[in-house]
Amino acid sequence: MTRPGSFDDVQRRALHAAFMDGAPLLCPVCETPLDRREVPPRTDVSYVRDRLWVSCPACHRTAVLDRREPR
């Protein structure tokens, strides 16, 4: 299921693979370079996540990518 304004599962997996490989992050829909924003870990949770929020300035889709392999 895709939420409005987000990438679908296949697109998110492709973005995550590119991210883990250090490749340029391009929108899988319109091929625009994605804007990147670090998401700092929260201190009020018992686990730490190292994430990157990406958004497309052209088509406005977004995704949050973890700096680890998905399960």
Protein backbone atom coordinates (compact mmCIF):
# COMPACT_ATOMS: atom_id res chain seq x y z
CA MET A 1 0.00 0.00 0.00
CA THR A 2 1.36 3.44 -0.95
CA ARG A 3 0.48 6.53 1.03
CA PRO A 4 -0.10 9.71 -0.99
CA GLY A 5 3.17 11.52 -1.42
CA SER A 6 5.35 8.51 -0.70
CA PHE A 7 7.27 6.00 -2.78
CA ASP A 8 5.92 2.47 -3.14
CA ASP A 9 7.73 -0.56 -1.68
CA VAL A 10 9.69 -1.32 -4.85
CA GLN A 11 10.83 2.31 -5.15
CA ARG A 12 11.83 2.44 -1.45
CA ARG A 13 13.87 -0.76 -1.81
CA ALA A 14 15.65 0.68 -4.87
CA LEU A 15 16.36 3.93 -3.00
CA HIS A 16 17.68 2.00 0.00
CA ALA A 17 19.96 -0.11 -2.21
CA ALA A 18 21.34 3.02 -3.91
CA PHE A 19 21.81 4.65 -0.49
CA MET A 20 23.68 1.64 0.93
CA ASP A 21 25.87 1.52 -2.20
CA GLY A 22 26.72 5.22 -1.93
CA ALA A 23 25.13 5.91 -5.32
CA PRO A 24 23.45 9.23 -6.14
CA LEU A 25 19.89 9.32 -4.83
CA LEU A 26 17.55 10.12 -7.70
CA CYS A 27 13.76 10.07 -7.59
CA PRO A 28 12.65 6.72 -9.02
CA VAL A 29 9.56 8.45 -10.47
CA CYS A 30 10.97 11.57 -12.18
CA GLU A 31 14.78 11.09 -11.83
CA THR A 32 15.28 14.42 -10.01
CA PRO A 33 18.13 14.45 -7.42
CA LEU A 34 16.57 14.01 -4.00
CA ASP A 35 16.91 16.49 -1.16
CA ARG A 36 18.49 14.86 1.91
CA ARG A 37 17.96 15.57 5.59
CA GLU A 38 19.59 13.72 8.46
CA VAL A 39 17.16 12.40 11.09
CA PRO A 40 18.96 12.45 14.45
CA PRO A 41 18.34 9.53 16.80
CA ARG A 42 15.84 10.22 19.59
CA THR A 43 16.95 9.85 23.18
CA ASP A 44 13.49 8.83 24.40
CA VAL A 45 13.49 5.44 22.67
CA SER A 46 15.34 2.32 23.77
CA TYR A 47 16.94 1.71 20.38
CA VAL A 48 18.91 3.99 18.11
CA ARG A 49 18.08 4.48 14.47
CA ASP A 50 20.37 6.25 12.06
CA ARG A 51 18.12 7.56 9.30
CA LEU A 52 18.05 9.82 6.31
CA TRP A 53 14.87 11.54 5.10
CA VAL A 54 14.79 12.07 1.35
CA SER A 55 12.28 14.12 -0.60
CA CYS A 56 11.81 14.96 -4.25
CA PRO A 57 11.60 18.70 -4.91
CA ALA A 58 9.80 18.02 -8.20
CA CYS A 59 7.09 15.43 -7.47
CA HIS A 60 7.09 15.82 -3.64
CA ARG A 61 7.36 12.15 -2.74
CA THR A 62 9.28 11.28 0.41
CA ALA A 63 10.91 8.32 2.14
CA VAL A 64 12.91 7.63 5.29
CA LEU A 65 15.94 5.38 4.78
CA ASP A 66 17.69 3.45 7.55
CA ARG A 67 21.46 3.15 7.51
CA ARG A 68 21.21 -0.60 7.94
CA GLU A 69 19.92 -3.50 5.92
CA PRO A 70 16.13 -4.03 6.11
CA ARG A 71 14.92 -7.23 7.74
